[in-house]
Amino acid sequence: MSDPLARALARFADGGASAVGMLARGPGRDALVEAVDSFHAGVRAGLEGRDVGAVARPAIAREGLGMAAALLDALRPEPAPRLAPLLAEPRPWFPALGAGMAIARLGRDALPAALAPALRDAGWDGWGFSRALVEPHRLRGAVRLGVDAPPVWVGAGRALWFATAGDVEAIEARLALVAPDVAPHLARGLGIASAFSGGATPEAKARLATGPLGEPYLAGFARGEAARAEGA
């Protein structure tokens, strides 16, 4: 990328080192660093218009490609959206998650028009993940992130897994601050991330599974396991 806007986009979306720095030094940190690295490999490839190449977590790299495409579509639009071909792939929810993250990073609350109705929950999930990861202080009470809906809260729960790196005591302390109608959605997101992104020790899984939010956590964990098996 040689033009100034492209370089600015790369700086805006990359932040791989800073993202790793945001991770707590919890028991799941190593697995989550691998996920972050794969994601940012996808972002860089998308912004540079090249193939991702070999990465540890290909599905998470597709999320990064989705973020890059949505950023480019928003900031340097062309007649044919870059996001659309990614959404025509067999597993479009991975780039849809990344597209939602891009919109959150832009400070917007309207998903890309390219996201079909069936993919909008994934888009809002990614949106909530991005907002909550950057502003974890909002994970209290009714969790007001700007868009208040279950898919957003599921994404926020995934962000909580990253922010704590699987530290169950830190997770439980945060969930205790959240409104009862929101907490199950966060627990579902925690389950998804702990299985899909990784880093859940047997002890952490057992404690969260047997806690007061064990049912939504396990439902999310099963969904995350299925997504990991499907996309790797």
C-alpha atoms as a PDB file:
ATOM      1  CA  MET A   1       0.000   0.000   0.000  1.00  0.00           C
ATOM      2  CA  SER A   2       1.584   3.228  -1.122  1.00  0.00           C
ATOM      3  CA  ASP A   3      -1.090   5.911  -0.839  1.00  0.00           C
ATOM      4  CA  PRO A   4      -1.574   7.842   2.436  1.00  0.00           C
ATOM      5  CA  LEU A   5      -5.159   6.676   3.018  1.00  0.00           C
ATOM      6  CA  ALA A   6      -4.136   3.037   2.725  1.00  0.00           C
ATOM      7  CA  ARG A   7      -1.333   3.543   5.215  1.00  0.00           C
ATOM      8  CA  ALA A   8      -3.710   5.303   7.575  1.00  0.00           C
ATOM      9  CA  LEU A   9      -6.162   2.424   7.269  1.00  0.00           C
ATOM     10  CA  ALA A  10      -3.429  -0.040   8.135  1.00  0.00           C
ATOM     11  CA  ARG A  11      -2.510   1.871  11.279  1.00  0.00           C
ATOM     12  CA  PHE A  12      -6.170   2.293  12.186  1.00  0.00           C
ATOM     13  CA  ALA A  13      -7.136  -1.347  11.848  1.00  0.00           C
ATOM     14  CA  ASP A  14      -3.975  -3.204  12.766  1.00  0.00           C
ATOM     15  CA  GLY A  15      -2.882  -2.554  16.297  1.00  0.00           C
ATOM     16  CA  GLY A  16      -1.810  -6.177  16.707  1.00  0.00           C
ATOM     17  CA  ALA A  17       0.822  -5.405  19.311  1.00  0.00           C
ATOM     18  CA  SER A  18      -1.487  -3.070  21.225  1.00  0.00           C
ATOM     19  CA  ALA A  19      -4.294  -5.641  21.107  1.00  0.00           C
ATOM     20  CA  VAL A  20      -2.013  -8.277  22.587  1.00  0.00           C
ATOM     21  CA  GLY A  21      -1.000  -5.760  25.224  1.00  0.00           C
ATOM     22  CA  MET A  22      -4.643  -5.391  26.257  1.00  0.00           C
ATOM     23  CA  LEU A  23      -4.866  -9.057  27.195  1.00  0.00           C
ATOM     24  CA  ALA A  24      -4.601  -9.838  30.879  1.00  0.00           C
ATOM     25  CA  ARG A  25      -1.983 -12.343  31.961  1.00  0.00           C
ATOM     26  CA  GLY A  26      -4.572 -14.988  32.675  1.00  0.00           C
ATOM     27  CA  PRO A  27      -4.394 -18.726  32.030  1.00  0.00           C
ATOM     28  CA  GLY A  28      -5.775 -18.412  28.494  1.00  0.00           C
ATOM     29  CA  ARG A  29      -3.370 -15.726  27.293  1.00  0.00           C
ATOM     30  CA  ASP A  30      -1.213 -17.889  24.991  1.00  0.00           C
ATOM     31  CA  ALA A  31      -4.180 -19.223  23.030  1.00  0.00           C
ATOM     32  CA  LEU A  32      -5.684 -15.744  22.753  1.00  0.00           C
ATOM     33  CA  VAL A  33      -2.410 -14.236  21.510  1.00  0.00           C
ATOM     34  CA  GLU A  34      -2.522 -16.827  18.716  1.00  0.00           C
ATOM     35  CA  ALA A  35      -6.088 -15.743  17.897  1.00  0.00           C
ATOM     36  CA  VAL A  36      -5.169 -12.042  17.899  1.00  0.00           C
ATOM     37  CA  ASP A  37      -2.169 -12.678  15.660  1.00  0.00           C
ATOM     38  CA  SER A  38      -4.323 -14.575  13.148  1.00  0.00           C
ATOM     39  CA  PHE A  39      -6.950 -11.838  13.166  1.00  0.00           C
ATOM     40  CA  HIS A  40      -4.454  -9.084  12.432  1.00  0.00           C
ATOM     41  CA  ALA A  41      -2.816 -11.182   9.726  1.00  0.00           C
ATOM     42  CA  GLY A  42      -6.221 -11.156   8.044  1.00  0.00           C
ATOM     43  CA  VAL A  43      -6.622  -7.404   8.506  1.00  0.00           C
ATOM     44  CA  ARG A  44      -3.224  -6.663   6.994  1.00  0.00           C
ATOM     45  CA  ALA A  45      -3.828  -9.016   4.064  1.00  0.00           C
ATOM     46  CA  GLY A  46      -7.215  -7.458   3.355  1.00  0.00           C
ATOM     47  CA  LEU A  47      -5.874  -3.921   3.393  1.00  0.00           C
ATOM     48  CA  GLU A  48      -2.990  -4.900   1.148  1.00  0.00           C
ATOM     49  CA  GLY A  49      -5.178  -6.856  -1.273  1.00  0.00           C
ATOM     50  CA  ARG A  50      -3.362 -10.156  -0.904  1.00  0.00           C
ATOM     51  CA  ASP A  51      -3.969 -13.688   0.327  1.00  0.00           C
ATOM     52  CA  VAL A  52      -3.687 -14.286   4.056  1.00  0.00           C
ATOM     53  CA  GLY A  53      -1.302 -17.199   3.686  1.00  0.00           C
ATOM     54  CA  ALA A  54      -0.631 -19.707   6.442  1.00  0.00           C
ATOM     55  CA  VAL A  55      -1.973 -18.719   9.867  1.00  0.00           C
ATOM     56  CA  ALA A  56      -2.669 -20.654  13.039  1.00  0.00           C
ATOM     57  CA  ARG A  57      -6.412 -19.849  13.015  1.00  0.00           C
ATOM     58  CA  PRO A  58      -7.754 -19.475   9.447  1.00  0.00           C
ATOM     59  CA  ALA A  59     -11.341 -18.724  10.505  1.00  0.00           C
ATOM     60  CA  ILE A  60     -10.217 -15.871  12.730  1.00  0.00           C
ATOM     61  CA  ALA A  61      -8.131 -14.540   9.850  1.00  0.00           C
ATOM     62  CA  ARG A  62     -11.384 -14.431   7.822  1.00  0.00           C
ATOM     63  CA  GLU A  63     -12.788 -12.160  10.522  1.00  0.00           C
ATOM     64  CA  GLY A  64      -9.807  -9.887   9.952  1.00  0.00           C
ATOM     65  CA  LEU A  65     -10.441  -9.895   6.206  1.00  0.00           C
ATOM     66  CA  GLY A  66     -14.043  -8.907   6.893  1.00  0.00           C
ATOM     67  CA  MET A  67     -12.917  -6.008   9.042  1.00  0.00           C
ATOM     68  CA  ALA A  68     -10.495  -4.782   6.368  1.00  0.00           C
ATOM     69  CA  ALA A  69     -13.129  -5.032   3.632  1.00  0.00           C
ATOM     70  CA  ALA A  70     -15.733  -3.135   5.675  1.00  0.00           C
ATOM     71  CA  LEU A  71     -13.219  -0.413   6.519  1.00  0.00           C
ATOM     72  CA  LEU A  72     -12.245   0.003   2.888  1.00  0.00           C
ATOM     73  CA  ASP A  73     -15.882   0.028   1.784  1.00  0.00           C
ATOM     74  CA  ALA A  74     -16.654   2.743   4.332  1.00  0.00           C
ATOM     75  CA  LEU A  75     -13.612   4.936   3.801  1.00  0.00           C
ATOM     76  CA  ARG A  76     -12.739   4.329   0.153  1.00  0.00           C
ATOM     77  CA  PRO A  77     -15.976   3.137  -1.475  1.00  0.00           C
ATOM     78  CA  GLU A  78     -16.039   1.497  -4.887  1.00  0.00           C
ATOM     79  CA  PRO A  79     -19.030   0.449  -7.036  1.00  0.00           C
ATOM     80  CA  ALA A  80     -18.511  -3.197  -6.010  1.00  0.00           C
ATOM     81  CA  PRO A  81     -18.202  -3.571  -2.215  1.00  0.00           C
ATOM     82  CA  ARG A  82     -15.136  -5.544  -1.094  1.00  0.00           C
ATOM     83  CA  LEU A  83     -17.178  -7.169   1.653  1.00  0.00           C
ATOM     84  CA  ALA A  84     -19.711  -8.817  -0.659  1.00  0.00           C
ATOM     85  CA  PRO A  85     -17.437 -11.600  -2.046  1.00  0.00           C
ATOM     86  CA  LEU A  86     -16.402 -12.583   1.477  1.00  0.00           C
ATOM     87  CA  LEU A  87     -20.055 -12.903   2.465  1.00  0.00           C
ATOM     88  CA  ALA A  88     -20.636 -15.248  -0.469  1.00  0.00           C
ATOM     89  CA  GLU A  89     -18.186 -17.776   1.011  1.00  0.00           C
ATOM     90  CA  PRO A  90     -19.460 -21.026   2.588  1.00  0.00           C
ATOM     91  CA  ARG A  91     -18.924 -19.622   6.116  1.00  0.00           C
ATOM     92  CA  PRO A  92     -19.906 -15.961   5.826  1.00  0.00           C
ATOM     93  CA  TRP A  93     -20.416 -15.349   9.539  1.00  0.00           C
ATOM     94  CA  PHE A  94     -16.663 -15.077  10.107  1.00  0.00           C
ATOM     95  CA  PRO A  95     -16.199 -12.022   7.849  1.00  0.00           C
ATOM     96  CA  ALA A  96     -19.563 -10.700   9.091  1.00  0.00           C
ATOM     97  CA  LEU A  97     -18.156 -10.618  12.621  1.00  0.00           C
ATOM     98  CA  GLY A  98     -15.177  -8.642  11.365  1.00  0.00           C
ATOM     99  CA  ALA A  99     -17.421  -6.238   9.470  1.00  0.00           C
ATOM    100  CA  GLY A 100     -19.291  -5.448  12.674  1.00  0.00           C
ATOM    101  CA  MET A 101     -16.006  -4.817  14.446  1.00  0.00           C
ATOM    102  CA  ALA A 102     -14.996  -2.367  11.728  1.00  0.00           C
ATOM    103  CA  ILE A 103     -18.219  -0.383  12.074  1.00  0.00           C
ATOM    104  CA  ALA A 104     -17.718  -0.137  15.831  1.00  0.00           C
ATOM    105  CA  ARG A 105     -14.142   1.061  15.343  1.00  0.00           C
ATOM    106  CA  LEU A 106     -15.491   3.771  13.029  1.00  0.00           C
ATOM    107  CA  GLY A 107     -17.850   4.924  15.763  1.00  0.00           C
ATOM    108  CA  ARG A 108     -20.928   4.053  13.717  1.00  0.00           C
ATOM    109  CA  ASP A 109     -24.059   2.131  14.664  1.00  0.00           C
ATOM    110  CA  ALA A 110     -25.381   1.062  11.259  1.00  0.00           C
ATOM    111  CA  LEU A 111     -24.166  -2.233   9.834  1.00  0.00           C
ATOM    112  CA  PRO A 112     -22.982  -2.471   6.212  1.00  0.00           C
ATOM    113  CA  ALA A 113     -25.787  -2.869   3.705  1.00  0.00           C
ATOM    114  CA  ALA A 114     -23.978  -5.928   2.335  1.00  0.00           C
ATOM    115  CA  LEU A 115     -24.913  -7.895   5.469  1.00  0.00           C
ATOM    116  CA  ALA A 116     -28.028  -9.908   4.686  1.00  0.00           C
ATOM    117  CA  PRO A 117     -30.647 -10.293   7.453  1.00  0.00           C
ATOM    118  CA  ALA A 118     -29.301 -13.764   8.305  1.00  0.00           C
ATOM    119  CA  LEU A 119     -25.873 -12.263   9.022  1.00  0.00           C
ATOM    120  CA  ARG A 120     -26.911  -9.223  11.012  1.00  0.00           C
ATOM    121  CA  ASP A 121     -26.703 -10.984  14.376  1.00  0.00           C
ATOM    122  CA  ALA A 122     -23.092 -11.876  13.560  1.00  0.00           C
ATOM    123  CA  GLY A 123     -22.459  -8.264  12.594  1.00  0.00           C
ATOM    124  CA  TRP A 124     -23.878  -6.969  15.853  1.00  0.00           C
ATOM    125  CA  ASP A 125     -21.917  -9.609  17.769  1.00  0.00           C
ATOM    126  CA  GLY A 126     -18.705  -8.274  16.222  1.00  0.00           C
ATOM    127  CA  TRP A 127     -19.828  -4.710  16.931  1.00  0.00           C
ATOM    128  CA  GLY A 128     -20.410  -5.489  20.606  1.00  0.00           C
ATOM    129  CA  PHE A 129     -17.096  -7.330  20.860  1.00  0.00           C
ATOM    130  CA  SER A 130     -15.179  -4.349  19.538  1.00  0.00           C
ATOM    131  CA  ARG A 131     -16.966  -1.783  21.693  1.00  0.00           C
ATOM    132  CA  ALA A 132     -16.636  -3.792  24.892  1.00  0.00           C
ATOM    133  CA  LEU A 133     -12.984  -4.653  24.283  1.00  0.00           C
ATOM    134  CA  VAL A 134     -12.114  -0.970  23.898  1.00  0.00           C
ATOM    135  CA  GLU A 135     -14.460   0.241  26.660  1.00  0.00           C
ATOM    136  CA  PRO A 136     -14.610  -2.549  29.267  1.00  0.00           C
ATOM    137  CA  HIS A 137     -15.855  -0.094  31.898  1.00  0.00           C
ATOM    138  CA  ARG A 138     -19.240  -0.324  30.180  1.00  0.00           C
ATOM    139  CA  LEU A 139     -19.621  -3.960  31.242  1.00  0.00           C
ATOM    140  CA  ARG A 140     -21.768  -3.137  34.235  1.00  0.00           C
ATOM    141  CA  GLY A 141     -25.452  -2.605  34.906  1.00  0.00           C
ATOM    142  CA  ALA A 142     -27.483  -2.678  31.706  1.00  0.00           C
ATOM    143  CA  VAL A 143     -24.262  -2.675  29.613  1.00  0.00           C
ATOM    144  CA  ARG A 144     -25.020   0.437  27.575  1.00  0.00           C
ATOM    145  CA  LEU A 145     -22.763   0.172  24.542  1.00  0.00           C
ATOM    146  CA  GLY A 146     -24.825   2.369  22.255  1.00  0.00           C
ATOM    147  CA  VAL A 147     -26.820  -0.461  20.712  1.00  0.00           C
ATOM    148  CA  ASP A 148     -28.582  -2.575  23.302  1.00  0.00           C
ATOM    149  CA  ALA A 149     -29.575  -6.000  21.993  1.00  0.00           C
ATOM    150  CA  PRO A 150     -28.740  -9.646  22.788  1.00  0.00           C
ATOM    151  CA  PRO A 151     -26.267 -10.167  19.901  1.00  0.00           C
ATOM    152  CA  VAL A 152     -24.333  -7.090  21.038  1.00  0.00           C
ATOM    153  CA  TRP A 153     -24.192  -8.431  24.582  1.00  0.00           C
ATOM    154  CA  VAL A 154     -23.006 -11.825  23.318  1.00  0.00           C
ATOM    155  CA  GLY A 155     -20.150 -10.011  21.577  1.00  0.00           C
ATOM    156  CA  ALA A 156     -19.433  -8.130  24.784  1.00  0.00           C
ATOM    157  CA  GLY A 157     -19.196 -11.470  26.585  1.00  0.00           C
ATOM    158  CA  ARG A 158     -16.624 -12.652  24.060  1.00  0.00           C
ATOM    159  CA  ALA A 159     -14.675  -9.460  24.719  1.00  0.00           C
ATOM    160  CA  LEU A 160     -14.770 -10.170  28.442  1.00  0.00           C
ATOM    161  CA  TRP A 161     -13.065 -13.511  27.817  1.00  0.00           C
ATOM    162  CA  PHE A 162     -10.250 -11.734  25.970  1.00  0.00           C
ATOM    163  CA  ALA A 163      -9.971  -8.902  28.479  1.00  0.00           C
ATOM    164  CA  THR A 164      -9.562 -11.348  31.370  1.00  0.00           C
ATOM    165  CA  ALA A 165      -7.663 -14.033  29.419  1.00  0.00           C
ATOM    166  CA  GLY A 166      -9.844 -16.646  31.076  1.00  0.00           C
ATOM    167  CA  ASP A 167      -9.323 -15.508  34.675  1.00  0.00           C
ATOM    168  CA  VAL A 168     -12.504 -16.884  36.234  1.00  0.00           C
ATOM    169  CA  GLU A 169     -12.352 -14.740  39.364  1.00  0.00           C
ATOM    170  CA  ALA A 170     -12.111 -11.593  37.241  1.00  0.00           C
ATOM    171  CA  ILE A 171     -14.977 -12.833  35.053  1.00  0.00           C
ATOM    172  CA  GLU A 172     -17.218 -13.573  38.029  1.00  0.00           C
ATOM    173  CA  ALA A 173     -16.464 -10.185  39.579  1.00  0.00           C
ATOM    174  CA  ARG A 174     -17.499  -8.436  36.360  1.00  0.00           C
ATOM    175  CA  LEU A 175     -20.634 -10.540  35.854  1.00  0.00           C
ATOM    176  CA  ALA A 176     -21.727  -9.640  39.393  1.00  0.00           C
ATOM    177  CA  LEU A 177     -21.958  -5.999  38.260  1.00  0.00           C
ATOM    178  CA  VAL A 178     -24.179  -6.739  35.256  1.00  0.00           C
ATOM    179  CA  ALA A 179     -27.978  -6.536  35.198  1.00  0.00           C
ATOM    180  CA  PRO A 180     -29.696  -9.954  35.538  1.00  0.00           C
ATOM    181  CA  ASP A 181     -31.353  -9.719  32.117  1.00  0.00           C
ATOM    182  CA  VAL A 182     -28.033  -9.012  30.393  1.00  0.00           C
ATOM    183  CA  ALA A 183     -25.722 -11.422  32.238  1.00  0.00           C
ATOM    184  CA  PRO A 184     -26.935 -14.615  30.464  1.00  0.00           C
ATOM    185  CA  HIS A 185     -26.046 -13.114  27.090  1.00  0.00           C
ATOM    186  CA  LEU A 186     -22.569 -12.228  28.334  1.00  0.00           C
ATOM    187  CA  ALA A 187     -22.204 -15.758  29.692  1.00  0.00           C
ATOM    188  CA  ARG A 188     -23.149 -17.172  26.301  1.00  0.00           C
ATOM    189  CA  GLY A 189     -20.476 -15.003  24.690  1.00  0.00           C
ATOM    190  CA  LEU A 190     -17.959 -16.166  27.269  1.00  0.00           C
ATOM    191  CA  GLY A 191     -18.754 -19.748  26.358  1.00  0.00           C
ATOM    192  CA  ILE A 192     -18.371 -19.104  22.641  1.00  0.00           C
ATOM    193  CA  ALA A 193     -15.012 -17.383  23.054  1.00  0.00           C
ATOM    194  CA  SER A 194     -13.617 -19.867  25.534  1.00  0.00           C
ATOM    195  CA  ALA A 195     -14.284 -22.717  23.086  1.00  0.00           C
ATOM    196  CA  PHE A 196     -13.719 -21.009  19.738  1.00  0.00           C
ATOM    197  CA  SER A 197     -10.872 -18.609  20.523  1.00  0.00           C
ATOM    198  CA  GLY A 198      -9.457 -20.945  23.144  1.00  0.00           C
ATOM    199  CA  GLY A 199      -7.716 -20.681  26.466  1.00  0.00           C
ATOM    200  CA  ALA A 200     -10.252 -22.378  28.718  1.00  0.00           C
ATOM    201  CA  THR A 201      -8.598 -24.616  31.286  1.00  0.00           C
ATOM    202  CA  PRO A 202     -10.635 -27.593  32.539  1.00  0.00           C
ATOM    203  CA  GLU A 203     -10.903 -25.840  35.895  1.00  0.00           C
ATOM    204  CA  ALA A 204     -12.223 -22.625  34.331  1.00  0.00           C
ATOM    205  CA  LYS A 205     -14.782 -24.444  32.235  1.00  0.00           C
ATOM    206  CA  ALA A 206     -15.986 -26.507  35.196  1.00  0.00           C
ATOM    207  CA  ARG A 207     -16.363 -23.467  37.433  1.00  0.00           C
ATOM    208  CA  LEU A 208     -18.264 -21.411  34.866  1.00  0.00           C
ATOM    209  CA  ALA A 209     -20.390 -24.397  33.850  1.00  0.00           C
ATOM    210  CA  THR A 210     -21.526 -25.039  37.401  1.00  0.00           C
ATOM    211  CA  GLY A 211     -22.044 -21.396  38.346  1.00  0.00           C
ATOM    212  CA  PRO A 212     -25.342 -19.485  38.294  1.00  0.00           C
ATOM    213  CA  LEU A 213     -24.914 -18.772  34.572  1.00  0.00           C
ATOM    214  CA  GLY A 214     -23.795 -22.277  33.706  1.00  0.00           C
ATOM    215  CA  GLU A 215     -26.617 -23.032  31.264  1.00  0.00           C
ATOM    216  CA  PRO A 216     -25.982 -20.105  28.872  1.00  0.00           C
ATOM    217  CA  TYR A 217     -22.229 -20.557  29.257  1.00  0.00           C
ATOM    218  CA  LEU A 218     -22.459 -24.205  28.190  1.00  0.00           C
ATOM    219  CA  ALA A 219     -24.789 -23.335  25.311  1.00  0.00           C
ATOM    220  CA  GLY A 220     -22.215 -20.832  24.106  1.00  0.00           C
ATOM    221  CA  PHE A 221     -19.376 -23.295  24.616  1.00  0.00           C
ATOM    222  CA  ALA A 222     -21.143 -25.863  22.420  1.00  0.00           C
ATOM    223  CA  ARG A 223     -21.664 -23.248  19.731  1.00  0.00           C
ATOM    224  CA  GLY A 224     -18.014 -22.203  19.942  1.00  0.00           C
ATOM    225  CA  GLU A 225     -16.820 -25.799  19.674  1.00  0.00           C
ATOM    226  CA  ALA A 226     -18.947 -26.316  16.571  1.00  0.00           C
ATOM    227  CA  ALA A 227     -17.652 -23.120  14.972  1.00  0.00           C
ATOM    228  CA  ARG A 228     -14.060 -24.082  15.719  1.00  0.00           C
ATOM    229  CA  ALA A 229     -14.524 -27.542  14.230  1.00  0.00           C
ATOM    230  CA  GLU A 230     -16.071 -26.010  11.137  1.00  0.00           C
ATOM    231  CA  GLY A 231     -13.669 -23.143  10.548  1.00  0.00           C
ATOM    232  CA  ALA A 232     -10.508 -24.040  12.512  1.00  0.00           C
END
